Amino acid sequence: MKNIFVGNLSFGATEQSVRTLFEAHGTVDRVNIVTDRDSGQPRGFGFVEMSNDNEGNKAITALNGKELDGRALNVNEARPKAERSGGGGGGYGQKRW
């Protein structure tokens, strides 16, 4: 399974237009364009899953820098999502004067 990051998408790009672009290079299992949680508007990037690694690699090579809707795509293998730290201490244990 090859998970591919697709960046610099135009806000008008659809899952179908991205799928069509990648299907020229192999079988596409899933397309997900990431949207803002609050507004529902596209965030300008997404992910494509291809079950065949060779086809995925060929798609990355062929489509990185290719224009879609007037924008040069940034296409590469997706990296696993980094874990977020529990962060923020909220001031616990700090001296207050």
PDB file of N, CA and C in Angstrom:
ATOM      1  N   MET A   1       0.859  -1.189   0.000  1.00  0.00           N
ATOM      2  CA  MET A   1       0.000   0.000   0.000  1.00  0.00           C
ATOM      3  C   MET A   1       0.893   1.236   0.000  1.00  0.00           C
ATOM      4  N   LYS A   2       0.676   2.100  -0.944  1.00  0.00           N
ATOM      5  CA  LYS A   2       1.441   3.346  -1.054  1.00  0.00           C
ATOM      6  C   LYS A   2       0.506   4.493  -0.707  1.00  0.00           C
ATOM      7  N   ASN A   3       0.874   5.264   0.333  1.00  0.00           N
ATOM      8  CA  ASN A   3       0.103   6.438   0.734  1.00  0.00           C
ATOM      9  C   ASN A   3       0.864   7.656   0.215  1.00  0.00           C
ATOM     10  N   ILE A   4       0.200   8.459  -0.607  1.00  0.00           N
ATOM     11  CA  ILE A   4       0.858   9.557  -1.316  1.00  0.00           C
ATOM     12  C   ILE A   4       0.273  10.892  -0.871  1.00  0.00           C
ATOM     13  N   PHE A   5       1.165  11.803  -0.503  1.00  0.00           N
ATOM     14  CA  PHE A   5       0.769  13.165  -0.147  1.00  0.00           C
ATOM     15  C   PHE A   5       0.689  13.998  -1.424  1.00  0.00           C
ATOM     16  N   VAL A   6      -0.380  14.776  -1.555  1.00  0.00           N
ATOM     17  CA  VAL A   6      -0.548  15.664  -2.708  1.00  0.00           C
ATOM     18  C   VAL A   6      -0.770  17.073  -2.163  1.00  0.00           C
ATOM     19  N   GLY A   7       0.219  17.933  -2.338  1.00  0.00           N
ATOM     20  CA  GLY A   7       0.142  19.294  -1.817  1.00  0.00           C
ATOM     21  C   GLY A   7      -0.001  20.324  -2.917  1.00  0.00           C
ATOM     22  N   ASN A   8      -0.340  21.537  -2.520  1.00  0.00           N
ATOM     23  CA  ASN A   8      -0.526  22.680  -3.407  1.00  0.00           C
ATOM     24  C   ASN A   8      -1.723  22.490  -4.344  1.00  0.00           C
ATOM     25  N   LEU A   9      -2.743  21.792  -3.832  1.00  0.00           N
ATOM     26  CA  LEU A   9      -3.974  21.641  -4.613  1.00  0.00           C
ATOM     27  C   LEU A   9      -4.733  22.963  -4.640  1.00  0.00           C
ATOM     28  N   SER A  10      -5.374  23.245  -5.760  1.00  0.00           N
ATOM     29  CA  SER A  10      -6.232  24.424  -5.805  1.00  0.00           C
ATOM     30  C   SER A  10      -7.454  24.129  -4.944  1.00  0.00           C
ATOM     31  N   PHE A  11      -8.089  25.173  -4.435  1.00  0.00           N
ATOM     32  CA  PHE A  11      -9.251  24.976  -3.584  1.00  0.00           C
ATOM     33  C   PHE A  11     -10.446  24.456  -4.376  1.00  0.00           C
ATOM     34  N   GLY A  12     -10.345  24.492  -5.706  1.00  0.00           N
ATOM     35  CA  GLY A  12     -11.404  23.964  -6.554  1.00  0.00           C
ATOM     36  C   GLY A  12     -11.203  22.502  -6.936  1.00  0.00           C
ATOM     37  N   ALA A  13     -10.079  21.926  -6.548  1.00  0.00           N
ATOM     38  CA  ALA A  13      -9.809  20.528  -6.892  1.00  0.00           C
ATOM     39  C   ALA A  13     -10.801  19.611  -6.173  1.00  0.00           C
ATOM     40  N   THR A  14     -11.237  18.575  -6.884  1.00  0.00           N
ATOM     41  CA  THR A  14     -12.167  17.618  -6.300  1.00  0.00           C
ATOM     42  C   THR A  14     -11.487  16.258  -6.167  1.00  0.00           C
ATOM     43  N   GLU A  15     -12.078  15.394  -5.348  1.00  0.00           N
ATOM     44  CA  GLU A  15     -11.536  14.043  -5.220  1.00  0.00           C
ATOM     45  C   GLU A  15     -11.548  13.342  -6.576  1.00  0.00           C
ATOM     46  N   GLN A  16     -12.571  13.611  -7.381  1.00  0.00           N
ATOM     47  CA  GLN A  16     -12.657  12.967  -8.700  1.00  0.00           C
ATOM     48  C   GLN A  16     -11.550  13.471  -9.638  1.00  0.00           C
ATOM     49  N   SER A  17     -11.247  14.774  -9.611  1.00  0.00           N
ATOM     50  CA  SER A  17     -10.193  15.283 -10.502  1.00  0.00           C
ATOM     51  C   SER A  17      -8.825  14.729 -10.103  1.00  0.00           C
ATOM     52  N   VAL A  18      -8.585  14.581  -8.809  1.00  0.00           N
ATOM     53  CA  VAL A  18      -7.310  14.011  -8.334  1.00  0.00           C
ATOM     54  C   VAL A  18      -7.260  12.524  -8.682  1.00  0.00           C
ATOM     55  N   ARG A  19      -8.370  11.815  -8.479  1.00  0.00           N
ATOM     56  CA  ARG A  19      -8.434  10.383  -8.816  1.00  0.00           C
ATOM     57  C   ARG A  19      -8.128  10.168 -10.299  1.00  0.00           C
ATOM     58  N   THR A  20      -8.738  10.976 -11.164  1.00  0.00           N
ATOM     59  CA  THR A  20      -8.527  10.851 -12.608  1.00  0.00           C
ATOM     60  C   THR A  20      -7.054  11.044 -12.967  1.00  0.00           C
ATOM     61  N   LEU A  21      -6.428  12.018 -12.337  1.00  0.00           N
ATOM     62  CA  LEU A  21      -5.013  12.292 -12.586  1.00  0.00           C
ATOM     63  C   LEU A  21      -4.146  11.087 -12.221  1.00  0.00           C
ATOM     64  N   PHE A  22      -4.416  10.478 -11.065  1.00  0.00           N
ATOM     65  CA  PHE A  22      -3.599   9.353 -10.592  1.00  0.00           C
ATOM     66  C   PHE A  22      -3.945   8.046 -11.286  1.00  0.00           C
ATOM     67  N   GLU A  23      -5.185   7.873 -11.714  1.00  0.00           N
ATOM     68  CA  GLU A  23      -5.571   6.619 -12.358  1.00  0.00           C
ATOM     69  C   GLU A  23      -4.854   6.389 -13.678  1.00  0.00           C
ATOM     70  N   ALA A  24      -4.297   7.438 -14.265  1.00  0.00           N
ATOM     71  CA  ALA A  24      -3.501   7.272 -15.481  1.00  0.00           C
ATOM     72  C   ALA A  24      -2.230   6.469 -15.192  1.00  0.00           C
ATOM     73  N   HIS A  25      -1.886   6.318 -13.904  1.00  0.00           N
ATOM     74  CA  HIS A  25      -0.641   5.639 -13.521  1.00  0.00           C
ATOM     75  C   HIS A  25      -0.879   4.345 -12.760  1.00  0.00           C
ATOM     76  N   GLY A  26      -2.142   3.996 -12.513  1.00  0.00           N
ATOM     77  CA  GLY A  26      -2.431   2.752 -11.808  1.00  0.00           C
ATOM     78  C   GLY A  26      -3.769   2.808 -11.084  1.00  0.00           C
ATOM     79  N   THR A  27      -4.009   1.777 -10.294  1.00  0.00           N
ATOM     80  CA  THR A  27      -5.271   1.648  -9.577  1.00  0.00           C
ATOM     81  C   THR A  27      -5.252   2.493  -8.308  1.00  0.00           C
ATOM     82  N   VAL A  28      -6.255   3.339  -8.170  1.00  0.00           N
ATOM     83  CA  VAL A  28      -6.386   4.207  -7.004  1.00  0.00           C
ATOM     84  C   VAL A  28      -7.423   3.598  -6.067  1.00  0.00           C
ATOM     85  N   ASP A  29      -7.024   3.363  -4.818  1.00  0.00           N
ATOM     86  CA  ASP A  29      -7.950   2.794  -3.842  1.00  0.00           C
ATOM     87  C   ASP A  29      -8.788   3.864  -3.164  1.00  0.00           C
ATOM     88  N   ARG A  30      -8.146   4.979  -2.836  1.00  0.00           N
ATOM     89  CA  ARG A  30      -8.862   6.006  -2.078  1.00  0.00           C
ATOM     90  C   ARG A  30      -8.231   7.367  -2.309  1.00  0.00           C
ATOM     91  N   VAL A  31      -9.066   8.407  -2.333  1.00  0.00           N
ATOM     92  CA  VAL A  31      -8.613   9.797  -2.423  1.00  0.00           C
ATOM     93  C   VAL A  31      -9.268  10.555  -1.275  1.00  0.00           C
ATOM     94  N   ASN A  32      -8.487  11.347  -0.570  1.00  0.00           N
ATOM     95  CA  ASN A  32      -9.025  12.152   0.523  1.00  0.00           C
ATOM     96  C   ASN A  32      -8.447  13.554   0.431  1.00  0.00           C
ATOM     97  N   ILE A  33      -9.303  14.539   0.151  1.00  0.00           N
ATOM     98  CA  ILE A  33      -8.877  15.937   0.185  1.00  0.00           C
ATOM     99  C   ILE A  33      -9.207  16.465   1.571  1.00  0.00           C
ATOM    100  N   VAL A  34      -8.202  16.976   2.257  1.00  0.00           N
ATOM    101  CA  VAL A  34      -8.362  17.419   3.640  1.00  0.00           C
ATOM    102  C   VAL A  34      -9.096  18.758   3.675  1.00  0.00           C
ATOM    103  N   THR A  35     -10.091  18.825   4.562  1.00  0.00           N
ATOM    104  CA  THR A  35     -10.869  20.052   4.722  1.00  0.00           C
ATOM    105  C   THR A  35     -10.726  20.589   6.137  1.00  0.00           C
ATOM    106  N   ASP A  36     -10.952  21.877   6.279  1.00  0.00           N
ATOM    107  CA  ASP A  36     -10.911  22.524   7.582  1.00  0.00           C
ATOM    108  C   ASP A  36     -12.065  22.005   8.440  1.00  0.00           C
ATOM    109  N   ARG A  37     -11.761  21.673   9.672  1.00  0.00           N
ATOM    110  CA  ARG A  37     -12.759  21.098  10.563  1.00  0.00           C
ATOM    111  C   ARG A  37     -13.928  22.046  10.820  1.00  0.00           C
ATOM    112  N   ASP A  38     -13.641  23.340  10.936  1.00  0.00           N
ATOM    113  CA  ASP A  38     -14.685  24.309  11.271  1.00  0.00           C
ATOM    114  C   ASP A  38     -15.466  24.798  10.056  1.00  0.00           C
ATOM    115  N   SER A  39     -14.745  25.189   9.004  1.00  0.00           N
ATOM    116  CA  SER A  39     -15.422  25.805   7.853  1.00  0.00           C
ATOM    117  C   SER A  39     -15.816  24.801   6.769  1.00  0.00           C
ATOM    118  N   GLY A  40     -15.170  23.628   6.759  1.00  0.00           N
ATOM    119  CA  GLY A  40     -15.444  22.650   5.709  1.00  0.00           C
ATOM    120  C   GLY A  40     -14.750  22.962   4.391  1.00  0.00           C
ATOM    121  N   GLN A  41     -13.976  24.047   4.354  1.00  0.00           N
ATOM    122  CA  GLN A  41     -13.276  24.441   3.130  1.00  0.00           C
ATOM    123  C   GLN A  41     -12.019  23.576   2.939  1.00  0.00           C
ATOM    124  N   PRO A  42     -11.665  23.283   1.681  1.00  0.00           N
ATOM    125  CA  PRO A  42     -10.438  22.519   1.422  1.00  0.00           C
ATOM    126  C   PRO A  42      -9.213  23.247   1.970  1.00  0.00           C
ATOM    127  N   ARG A  43      -8.222  22.485   2.449  1.00  0.00           N
ATOM    128  CA  ARG A  43      -7.009  23.078   3.008  1.00  0.00           C
ATOM    129  C   ARG A  43      -5.853  23.095   2.011  1.00  0.00           C
ATOM    130  N   GLY A  44      -6.072  22.604   0.787  1.00  0.00           N
ATOM    131  CA  GLY A  44      -5.041  22.694  -0.249  1.00  0.00           C
ATOM    132  C   GLY A  44      -4.126  21.490  -0.329  1.00  0.00           C
ATOM    133  N   PHE A  45      -4.476  20.409   0.371  1.00  0.00           N
ATOM    134  CA  PHE A  45      -3.688  19.184   0.240  1.00  0.00           C
ATOM    135  C   PHE A  45      -4.586  17.975   0.475  1.00  0.00           C
ATOM    136  N   GLY A  46      -4.059  16.807   0.129  1.00  0.00           N
ATOM    137  CA  GLY A  46      -4.823  15.585   0.310  1.00  0.00           C
ATOM    138  C   GLY A  46      -3.923  14.369   0.212  1.00  0.00           C
ATOM    139  N   PHE A  47      -4.545  13.209   0.204  1.00  0.00           N
ATOM    140  CA  PHE A  47      -3.811  11.956   0.157  1.00  0.00           C
ATOM    141  C   PHE A  47      -4.467  11.016  -0.842  1.00  0.00           C
ATOM    142  N   VAL A  48      -3.615  10.225  -1.503  1.00  0.00           N
ATOM    143  CA  VAL A  48      -4.073   9.213  -2.450  1.00  0.00           C
ATOM    144  C   VAL A  48      -3.469   7.887  -2.004  1.00  0.00           C
ATOM    145  N   GLU A  49      -4.299   6.843  -1.938  1.00  0.00           N
ATOM    146  CA  GLU A  49      -3.800   5.514  -1.610  1.00  0.00           C
ATOM    147  C   GLU A  49      -3.851   4.646  -2.855  1.00  0.00           C
ATOM    148  N   MET A  50      -2.709   4.006  -3.134  1.00  0.00           N
ATOM    149  CA  MET A  50      -2.612   3.078  -4.255  1.00  0.00           C
ATOM    150  C   MET A  50      -2.089   1.754  -3.703  1.00  0.00           C
ATOM    151  N   SER A  51      -2.745   0.633  -4.043  1.00  0.00           N
ATOM    152  CA  SER A  51      -2.361  -0.649  -3.457  1.00  0.00           C
ATOM    153  C   SER A  51      -1.051  -1.195  -4.021  1.00  0.00           C
ATOM    154  N   ASN A  52      -0.698  -0.823  -5.245  1.00  0.00           N
ATOM    155  CA  ASN A  52       0.522  -1.308  -5.867  1.00  0.00           C
ATOM    156  C   ASN A  52       1.639  -0.278  -5.679  1.00  0.00           C
ATOM    157  N   ASP A  53       2.688  -0.665  -4.942  1.00  0.00           N
ATOM    158  CA  ASP A  53       3.789   0.261  -4.648  1.00  0.00           C
ATOM    159  C   ASP A  53       4.482   0.760  -5.910  1.00  0.00           C
ATOM    160  N   ASN A  54       4.672  -0.128  -6.903  1.00  0.00           N
ATOM    161  CA  ASN A  54       5.327   0.286  -8.150  1.00  0.00           C
ATOM    162  C   ASN A  54       4.523   1.358  -8.862  1.00  0.00           C
ATOM    163  N   GLU A  55       3.209   1.157  -8.952  1.00  0.00           N
ATOM    164  CA  GLU A  55       2.347   2.148  -9.591  1.00  0.00           C
ATOM    165  C   GLU A  55       2.373   3.459  -8.811  1.00  0.00           C
ATOM    166  N   GLY A  56       2.388   3.364  -7.479  1.00  0.00           N
ATOM    167  CA  GLY A  56       2.464   4.553  -6.641  1.00  0.00           C
ATOM    168  C   GLY A  56       3.744   5.334  -6.881  1.00  0.00           C
ATOM    169  N   ASN A  57       4.864   4.625  -6.965  1.00  0.00           N
ATOM    170  CA  ASN A  57       6.148   5.291  -7.215  1.00  0.00           C
ATOM    171  C   ASN A  57       6.168   5.958  -8.587  1.00  0.00           C
ATOM    172  N   LYS A  58       5.605   5.286  -9.587  1.00  0.00           N
ATOM    173  CA  LYS A  58       5.539   5.874 -10.931  1.00  0.00           C
ATOM    174  C   LYS A  58       4.668   7.125 -10.928  1.00  0.00           C
ATOM    175  N   ALA A  59       3.552   7.083 -10.196  1.00  0.00           N
ATOM    176  CA  ALA A  59       2.665   8.247 -10.122  1.00  0.00           C
ATOM    177  C   ALA A  59       3.383   9.423  -9.457  1.00  0.00           C
ATOM    178  N   ILE A  60       4.123   9.153  -8.379  1.00  0.00           N
ATOM    179  CA  ILE A  60       4.862  10.215  -7.688  1.00  0.00           C
ATOM    180  C   ILE A  60       5.847  10.877  -8.647  1.00  0.00           C
ATOM    181  N   THR A  61       6.612  10.045  -9.345  1.00  0.00           N
ATOM    182  CA  THR A  61       7.609  10.561 -10.281  1.00  0.00           C
ATOM    183  C   THR A  61       6.962  11.372 -11.403  1.00  0.00           C
ATOM    184  N   ALA A  62       5.871  10.852 -11.939  1.00  0.00           N
ATOM    185  CA  ALA A  62       5.231  11.506 -13.090  1.00  0.00           C
ATOM    186  C   ALA A  62       4.478  12.784 -12.701  1.00  0.00           C
ATOM    187  N   LEU A  63       3.916  12.828 -11.492  1.00  0.00           N
ATOM    188  CA  LEU A  63       3.002  13.925 -11.161  1.00  0.00           C
ATOM    189  C   LEU A  63       3.613  15.024 -10.294  1.00  0.00           C
ATOM    190  N   ASN A  64       4.750  14.784  -9.677  1.00  0.00           N
ATOM    191  CA  ASN A  64       5.370  15.834  -8.868  1.00  0.00           C
ATOM    192  C   ASN A  64       5.772  16.993  -9.781  1.00  0.00           C
ATOM    193  N   GLY A  65       5.228  18.174  -9.513  1.00  0.00           N
ATOM    194  CA  GLY A  65       5.503  19.350 -10.332  1.00  0.00           C
ATOM    195  C   GLY A  65       4.507  19.551 -11.471  1.00  0.00           C
ATOM    196  N   LYS A  66       3.657  18.548 -11.736  1.00  0.00           N
ATOM    197  CA  LYS A  66       2.658  18.669 -12.806  1.00  0.00           C
ATOM    198  C   LYS A  66       1.576  19.657 -12.373  1.00  0.00           C
ATOM    199  N   GLU A  67       1.063  20.408 -13.325  1.00  0.00           N
ATOM    200  CA  GLU A  67       0.030  21.404 -13.008  1.00  0.00           C
ATOM    201  C   GLU A  67      -1.361  20.790 -13.026  1.00  0.00           C
ATOM    202  N   LEU A  68      -2.151  21.185 -12.048  1.00  0.00           N
ATOM    203  CA  LEU A  68      -3.573  20.868 -11.988  1.00  0.00           C
ATOM    204  C   LEU A  68      -4.282  22.148 -11.590  1.00  0.00           C
ATOM    205  N   ASP A  69      -5.202  22.586 -12.404  1.00  0.00           N
ATOM    206  CA  ASP A  69      -5.920  23.847 -12.165  1.00  0.00           C
ATOM    207  C   ASP A  69      -4.966  25.030 -11.997  1.00  0.00           C
ATOM    208  N   GLY A  70      -3.867  25.029 -12.785  1.00  0.00           N
ATOM    209  CA  GLY A  70      -2.935  26.151 -12.773  1.00  0.00           C
ATOM    210  C   GLY A  70      -1.947  26.160 -11.613  1.00  0.00           C
ATOM    211  N   ARG A  71      -1.892  25.097 -10.826  1.00  0.00           N
ATOM    212  CA  ARG A  71      -0.962  25.041  -9.699  1.00  0.00           C
ATOM    213  C   ARG A  71      -0.068  23.822  -9.834  1.00  0.00           C
ATOM    214  N   ALA A  72       1.244  24.007  -9.591  1.00  0.00           N
ATOM    215  CA  ALA A  72       2.199  22.900  -9.659  1.00  0.00           C
ATOM    216  C   ALA A  72       2.055  22.050  -8.401  1.00  0.00           C
ATOM    217  N   LEU A  73       1.744  20.784  -8.581  1.00  0.00           N
ATOM    218  CA  LEU A  73       1.522  19.883  -7.445  1.00  0.00           C
ATOM    219  C   LEU A  73       2.822  19.492  -6.766  1.00  0.00           C
ATOM    220  N   ASN A  74       2.746  19.293  -5.473  1.00  0.00           N
ATOM    221  CA  ASN A  74       3.842  18.754  -4.677  1.00  0.00           C
ATOM    222  C   ASN A  74       3.418  17.339  -4.304  1.00  0.00           C
ATOM    223  N   VAL A  75       4.014  16.338  -4.950  1.00  0.00           N
ATOM    224  CA  VAL A  75       3.595  14.948  -4.764  1.00  0.00           C
ATOM    225  C   VAL A  75       4.771  14.142  -4.231  1.00  0.00           C
ATOM    226  N   ASN A  76       4.579  13.491  -3.088  1.00  0.00           N
ATOM    227  CA  ASN A  76       5.611  12.613  -2.542  1.00  0.00           C
ATOM    228  C   ASN A  76       4.984  11.584  -1.615  1.00  0.00           C
ATOM    229  N   GLU A  77       5.796  10.625  -1.199  1.00  0.00           N
ATOM    230  CA  GLU A  77       5.280   9.589  -0.309  1.00  0.00           C
ATOM    231  C   GLU A  77       4.934  10.223   1.031  1.00  0.00           C
ATOM    232  N   ALA A  78       3.745   9.910   1.523  1.00  0.00           N
ATOM    233  CA  ALA A  78       3.302  10.486   2.797  1.00  0.00           C
ATOM    234  C   ALA A  78       4.121   9.893   3.933  1.00  0.00           C
ATOM    235  N   ARG A  79       4.493  10.742   4.868  1.00  0.00           N
ATOM    236  CA  ARG A  79       5.191  10.290   6.069  1.00  0.00           C
ATOM    237  C   ARG A  79       4.150  10.020   7.143  1.00  0.00           C
ATOM    238  N   PRO A  80       4.424   9.076   8.039  1.00  0.00           N
ATOM    239  CA  PRO A  80       3.470   8.824   9.124  1.00  0.00           C
ATOM    240  C   PRO A  80       3.250  10.089   9.939  1.00  0.00           C
ATOM    241  N   LYS A  81       2.042  10.265  10.424  1.00  0.00           N
ATOM    242  CA  LYS A  81       1.691  11.442  11.220  1.00  0.00           C
ATOM    243  C   LYS A  81       2.511  11.440  12.511  1.00  0.00           C
ATOM    244  N   ALA A  82       3.162  12.553  12.790  1.00  0.00           N
ATOM    245  CA  ALA A  82       3.974  12.658  14.000  1.00  0.00           C
ATOM    246  C   ALA A  82       3.066  12.712  15.221  1.00  0.00           C
ATOM    247  N   GLU A  83       3.507  12.038  16.281  1.00  0.00           N
ATOM    248  CA  GLU A  83       2.725  12.091  17.512  1.00  0.00           C
ATOM    249  C   GLU A  83       2.872  13.452  18.144  1.00  0.00           C
ATOM    250  N   ARG A  84       1.766  13.948  18.654  1.00  0.00           N
ATOM    251  CA  ARG A  84       1.805  15.239  19.338  1.00  0.00           C
ATOM    252  C   ARG A  84       2.063  15.000  20.811  1.00  0.00           C
ATOM    253  N   SER A  85       2.846  15.884  21.410  1.00  0.00           N
ATOM    254  CA  SER A  85       3.092  15.746  22.843  1.00  0.00           C
ATOM    255  C   SER A  85       1.857  16.204  23.601  1.00  0.00           C
ATOM    256  N   GLY A  86       1.764  15.790  24.844  1.00  0.00           N
ATOM    257  CA  GLY A  86       0.638  16.177  25.678  1.00  0.00           C
ATOM    258  C   GLY A  86       0.636  17.664  25.947  1.00  0.00           C
ATOM    259  N   GLY A  87       1.724  18.312  25.751  1.00  0.00           N
ATOM    260  CA  GLY A  87       1.980  19.724  25.790  1.00  0.00           C
ATOM    261  C   GLY A  87       1.215  20.594  26.748  1.00  0.00           C
ATOM    262  N   GLY A  88       1.504  21.774  26.818  1.00  0.00           N
ATOM    263  CA  GLY A  88       0.827  22.848  27.506  1.00  0.00           C
ATOM    264  C   GLY A  88       0.833  22.787  28.988  1.00  0.00           C
ATOM    265  N   GLY A  89       1.460  22.665  29.878  1.00  0.00           N
ATOM    266  CA  GLY A  89       1.327  22.522  31.316  1.00  0.00           C
ATOM    267  C   GLY A  89       0.271  23.350  31.980  1.00  0.00           C
ATOM    268  N   GLY A  90      -0.192  24.402  31.397  1.00  0.00           N
ATOM    269  CA  GLY A  90      -1.259  25.196  31.989  1.00  0.00           C
ATOM    270  C   GLY A  90      -0.887  25.905  33.265  1.00  0.00           C
ATOM    271  N   GLY A  91       0.393  26.027  33.584  1.00  0.00           N
ATOM    272  CA  GLY A  91       0.801  26.779  34.771  1.00  0.00           C
ATOM    273  C   GLY A  91       0.850  25.957  36.041  1.00  0.00           C
ATOM    274  N   TYR A  92       0.564  24.710  35.986  1.00  0.00           N
ATOM    275  CA  TYR A  92       0.582  23.858  37.174  1.00  0.00           C
ATOM    276  C   TYR A  92       1.979  23.841  37.778  1.00  0.00           C
ATOM    277  N   GLY A  93       2.066  24.033  39.057  1.00  0.00           N
ATOM    278  CA  GLY A  93       3.339  23.963  39.752  1.00  0.00           C
ATOM    279  C   GLY A  93       4.173  25.231  39.690  1.00  0.00           C
ATOM    280  N   GLN A  94       3.713  26.264  39.022  1.00  0.00           N
ATOM    281  CA  GLN A  94       4.470  27.498  38.962  1.00  0.00           C
ATOM    282  C   GLN A  94       4.164  28.340  40.187  1.00  0.00           C
ATOM    283  N   LYS A  95       5.192  29.010  40.666  1.00  0.00           N
ATOM    284  CA  LYS A  95       4.980  29.903  41.821  1.00  0.00           C
ATOM    285  C   LYS A  95       4.269  31.157  41.359  1.00  0.00           C
ATOM    286  N   ARG A  96       3.342  31.574  42.112  1.00  0.00           N
ATOM    287  CA  ARG A  96       2.630  32.815  41.803  1.00  0.00           C
ATOM    288  C   ARG A  96       2.867  33.774  42.934  1.00  0.00           C
ATOM    289  N   TRP A  97       3.330  34.948  42.626  1.00  0.00           N
ATOM    290  CA  TRP A  97       3.630  35.936  43.671  1.00  0.00           C
ATOM    291  C   TRP A  97       2.588  36.967  43.726  1.00  0.00           C
TER     292      TRP A  97
END
